Amino acid sequence: MRVLLVDDDPSFLELSKTFLEMFHNINSDTVDSAGEAINKLQKDAYDVIVSDYDMPAMDGITFLKSLREKSINVPFILFTGIGNEEVMHRAIENGANSYIQKGGDPKTQYSELSRQIERIVGHRAASF
């Protein structure tokens, strides 16, 4: 299983990568912008994209829309500190597979993220 983590906060990317790899055995690559993620997705294959919402240049939902317009249909999780129902609804309406709010206990937060990743990857594998 391979995950692409997209967030403009380098310390958050490092923390996310560490938690997913060390505690949940989920391999991940990191990029700090949606533009960089699009370039990486044109070269490499991923099972899931986990993206922040609040990023400069292109927010997470605009990033998701851009992927779908390019027929990049990798499952997408919006992982954000923005606890706004409107953002959650817009994410789901535009094809996000899940929405997880950042914050609170990191162990609990990353356990939830890993469960969502495994659920999405397992569901996708079962449908092939």
C-alpha atoms as a PDB file:
ATOM      1  CA  MET A   1       0.000   0.000   0.000  1.00  0.00           C
ATOM      2  CA  ARG A   2       1.352   3.397  -0.987  1.00  0.00           C
ATOM      3  CA  VAL A   3      -0.003   6.794   0.093  1.00  0.00           C
ATOM      4  CA  LEU A   4       0.779  10.308  -1.155  1.00  0.00           C
ATOM      5  CA  LEU A   5       0.617  12.897   1.649  1.00  0.00           C
ATOM      6  CA  VAL A   6       0.036  16.502   0.538  1.00  0.00           C
ATOM      7  CA  ASP A   7       0.392  19.349   3.047  1.00  0.00           C
ATOM      8  CA  ASP A   8       2.160  22.715   3.053  1.00  0.00           C
ATOM      9  CA  ASP A   9       3.362  22.199   6.654  1.00  0.00           C
ATOM     10  CA  PRO A  10       6.681  20.272   6.581  1.00  0.00           C
ATOM     11  CA  SER A  11       6.521  19.289  10.259  1.00  0.00           C
ATOM     12  CA  PHE A  12       2.999  17.906   9.802  1.00  0.00           C
ATOM     13  CA  LEU A  13       4.145  15.927   6.741  1.00  0.00           C
ATOM     14  CA  GLU A  14       7.021  14.439   8.725  1.00  0.00           C
ATOM     15  CA  LEU A  15       4.750  13.555  11.650  1.00  0.00           C
ATOM     16  CA  SER A  16       2.156  11.992   9.327  1.00  0.00           C
ATOM     17  CA  LYS A  17       4.749   9.935   7.461  1.00  0.00           C
ATOM     18  CA  THR A  18       6.294   8.710  10.731  1.00  0.00           C
ATOM     19  CA  PHE A  19       2.980   7.689  12.305  1.00  0.00           C
ATOM     20  CA  LEU A  20       1.700   5.923   9.194  1.00  0.00           C
ATOM     21  CA  GLU A  21       4.943   4.061   8.491  1.00  0.00           C
ATOM     22  CA  MET A  22       6.092   3.176  12.013  1.00  0.00           C
ATOM     23  CA  PHE A  23       2.790   2.441  13.715  1.00  0.00           C
ATOM     24  CA  HIS A  24       0.543   1.373  10.848  1.00  0.00           C
ATOM     25  CA  ASN A  25       2.979  -0.058   8.263  1.00  0.00           C
ATOM     26  CA  ILE A  26       1.671   2.240   5.508  1.00  0.00           C
ATOM     27  CA  ASN A  27       4.323   3.448   3.060  1.00  0.00           C
ATOM     28  CA  SER A  28       4.029   7.106   2.152  1.00  0.00           C
ATOM     29  CA  ASP A  29       5.619   9.831   0.066  1.00  0.00           C
ATOM     30  CA  THR A  30       5.256  13.502   0.907  1.00  0.00           C
ATOM     31  CA  VAL A  31       4.883  16.687  -1.138  1.00  0.00           C
ATOM     32  CA  ASP A  32       4.250  20.221   0.065  1.00  0.00           C
ATOM     33  CA  SER A  33       1.876  21.469  -2.634  1.00  0.00           C
ATOM     34  CA  ALA A  34      -0.955  20.325  -4.863  1.00  0.00           C
ATOM     35  CA  GLY A  35       1.066  21.250  -7.954  1.00  0.00           C
ATOM     36  CA  GLU A  36       3.946  19.042  -6.851  1.00  0.00           C
ATOM     37  CA  ALA A  37       1.465  16.245  -6.106  1.00  0.00           C
ATOM     38  CA  ILE A  38       0.011  16.443  -9.630  1.00  0.00           C
ATOM     39  CA  ASN A  39       3.527  16.132 -11.091  1.00  0.00           C
ATOM     40  CA  LYS A  40       4.288  13.154  -8.831  1.00  0.00           C
ATOM     41  CA  LEU A  41       1.010  11.437  -9.748  1.00  0.00           C
ATOM     42  CA  GLN A  42       1.928  11.603 -13.430  1.00  0.00           C
ATOM     43  CA  LYS A  43       5.069   9.540 -12.694  1.00  0.00           C
ATOM     44  CA  ASP A  44       4.175   7.312  -9.748  1.00  0.00           C
ATOM     45  CA  ALA A  45       1.207   5.162  -8.696  1.00  0.00           C
ATOM     46  CA  TYR A  46      -0.519   5.534  -5.333  1.00  0.00           C
ATOM     47  CA  ASP A  47      -3.355   3.710  -3.623  1.00  0.00           C
ATOM     48  CA  VAL A  48      -4.640   6.793  -1.768  1.00  0.00           C
ATOM     49  CA  ILE A  49      -4.011  10.554  -1.648  1.00  0.00           C
ATOM     50  CA  VAL A  50      -4.264  12.250   1.753  1.00  0.00           C
ATOM     51  CA  SER A  51      -4.449  16.020   1.339  1.00  0.00           C
ATOM     52  CA  ASP A  52      -4.759  19.066   3.531  1.00  0.00           C
ATOM     53  CA  TYR A  53      -7.464  21.581   2.623  1.00  0.00           C
ATOM     54  CA  ASP A  54      -5.886  24.928   3.531  1.00  0.00           C
ATOM     55  CA  MET A  55      -2.847  25.262   1.238  1.00  0.00           C
ATOM     56  CA  PRO A  56      -1.547  28.256  -0.747  1.00  0.00           C
ATOM     57  CA  ALA A  57      -2.053  28.407  -4.522  1.00  0.00           C
ATOM     58  CA  MET A  58      -4.527  25.500  -4.618  1.00  0.00           C
ATOM     59  CA  ASP A  59      -6.731  24.321  -1.750  1.00  0.00           C
ATOM     60  CA  GLY A  60      -7.551  20.655  -1.217  1.00  0.00           C
ATOM     61  CA  ILE A  61     -10.919  20.731  -2.975  1.00  0.00           C
ATOM     62  CA  THR A  62      -9.544  22.582  -6.008  1.00  0.00           C
ATOM     63  CA  PHE A  63      -6.752  19.989  -6.049  1.00  0.00           C
ATOM     64  CA  LEU A  64      -9.324  17.175  -5.961  1.00  0.00           C
ATOM     65  CA  LYS A  65     -11.333  18.763  -8.809  1.00  0.00           C
ATOM     66  CA  SER A  66      -8.141  19.148 -10.847  1.00  0.00           C
ATOM     67  CA  LEU A  67      -7.304  15.461 -10.373  1.00  0.00           C
ATOM     68  CA  ARG A  68     -10.763  14.338 -11.461  1.00  0.00           C
ATOM     69  CA  GLU A  69     -10.659  16.648 -14.518  1.00  0.00           C
ATOM     70  CA  LYS A  70      -7.384  14.941 -15.491  1.00  0.00           C
ATOM     71  CA  SER A  71      -9.043  11.515 -15.007  1.00  0.00           C
ATOM     72  CA  ILE A  72      -6.779  10.763 -12.045  1.00  0.00           C
ATOM     73  CA  ASN A  73      -9.149   8.654  -9.974  1.00  0.00           C
ATOM     74  CA  VAL A  74      -6.940   7.725  -7.039  1.00  0.00           C
ATOM     75  CA  PRO A  75      -9.025   7.572  -3.824  1.00  0.00           C
ATOM     76  CA  PHE A  76      -8.821  10.872  -1.933  1.00  0.00           C
ATOM     77  CA  ILE A  77      -8.987  11.701   1.787  1.00  0.00           C
ATOM     78  CA  LEU A  78      -9.258  15.333   2.867  1.00  0.00           C
ATOM     79  CA  PHE A  79      -7.313  15.559   6.149  1.00  0.00           C
ATOM     80  CA  THR A  80      -7.770  19.066   7.463  1.00  0.00           C
ATOM     81  CA  GLY A  81      -7.788  21.325  10.465  1.00  0.00           C
ATOM     82  CA  ILE A  82     -10.793  23.187   9.029  1.00  0.00           C
ATOM     83  CA  GLY A  83     -13.775  21.858  10.978  1.00  0.00           C
ATOM     84  CA  ASN A  84     -16.375  23.266   8.646  1.00  0.00           C
ATOM     85  CA  GLU A  85     -19.406  21.284   7.467  1.00  0.00           C
ATOM     86  CA  GLU A  86     -19.477  23.208   4.189  1.00  0.00           C
ATOM     87  CA  VAL A  87     -15.900  22.104   3.415  1.00  0.00           C
ATOM     88  CA  MET A  88     -16.805  18.506   4.294  1.00  0.00           C
ATOM     89  CA  HIS A  89     -19.861  18.557   2.018  1.00  0.00           C
ATOM     90  CA  ARG A  90     -17.923  20.165  -0.849  1.00  0.00           C
ATOM     91  CA  ALA A  91     -15.195  17.528  -0.491  1.00  0.00           C
ATOM     92  CA  ILE A  92     -17.680  14.649  -0.669  1.00  0.00           C
ATOM     93  CA  GLU A  93     -19.631  16.280  -3.532  1.00  0.00           C
ATOM     94  CA  ASN A  94     -16.411  16.557  -5.536  1.00  0.00           C
ATOM     95  CA  GLY A  95     -15.428  12.931  -5.100  1.00  0.00           C
ATOM     96  CA  ALA A  96     -13.492  12.701  -1.837  1.00  0.00           C
ATOM     97  CA  ASN A  97     -13.728   9.232  -0.323  1.00  0.00           C
ATOM     98  CA  SER A  98     -13.373  10.485   3.229  1.00  0.00           C
ATOM     99  CA  TYR A  99     -12.977  13.600   5.360  1.00  0.00           C
ATOM    100  CA  ILE A 100     -10.963  13.553   8.577  1.00  0.00           C
ATOM    101  CA  GLN A 101     -10.445  16.508  10.875  1.00  0.00           C
ATOM    102  CA  LYS A 102      -6.940  17.118  12.232  1.00  0.00           C
ATOM    103  CA  GLY A 103      -6.452  17.809  15.883  1.00  0.00           C
ATOM    104  CA  GLY A 104      -6.600  16.138  19.228  1.00  0.00           C
ATOM    105  CA  ASP A 105      -4.560  13.122  20.217  1.00  0.00           C
ATOM    106  CA  PRO A 106      -2.145  12.183  17.397  1.00  0.00           C
ATOM    107  CA  LYS A 107      -2.379   8.450  18.162  1.00  0.00           C
ATOM    108  CA  THR A 108      -6.182   8.525  17.827  1.00  0.00           C
ATOM    109  CA  GLN A 109      -6.056  10.790  14.769  1.00  0.00           C
ATOM    110  CA  TYR A 110      -3.584   8.601  12.878  1.00  0.00           C
ATOM    111  CA  SER A 111      -5.356   5.405  13.897  1.00  0.00           C
ATOM    112  CA  GLU A 112      -8.510   6.821  12.299  1.00  0.00           C
ATOM    113  CA  LEU A 113      -6.576   7.896   9.213  1.00  0.00           C
ATOM    114  CA  SER A 114      -4.978   4.460   8.852  1.00  0.00           C
ATOM    115  CA  ARG A 115      -8.392   2.756   9.254  1.00  0.00           C
ATOM    116  CA  GLN A 116      -9.837   4.969   6.506  1.00  0.00           C
ATOM    117  CA  ILE A 117      -6.875   4.261   4.203  1.00  0.00           C
ATOM    118  CA  GLU A 118      -7.165   0.498   4.772  1.00  0.00           C
ATOM    119  CA  ARG A 119     -10.967   0.599   4.304  1.00  0.00           C
ATOM    120  CA  ILE A 120     -10.684   2.517   1.032  1.00  0.00           C
ATOM    121  CA  VAL A 121      -7.881   0.335  -0.341  1.00  0.00           C
ATOM    122  CA  GLY A 122      -9.683  -2.846   0.762  1.00  0.00           C
ATOM    123  CA  HIS A 123     -12.962  -1.714  -0.782  1.00  0.00           C
ATOM    124  CA  ARG A 124     -11.249  -0.790  -4.030  1.00  0.00           C
ATOM    125  CA  ALA A 125      -9.432  -4.152  -4.203  1.00  0.00           C
ATOM    126  CA  ALA A 126     -12.694  -6.019  -3.566  1.00  0.00           C
ATOM    127  CA  SER A 127     -14.402  -4.248  -6.476  1.00  0.00           C
ATOM    128  CA  PHE A 128     -11.794  -5.438  -9.017  1.00  0.00           C
END
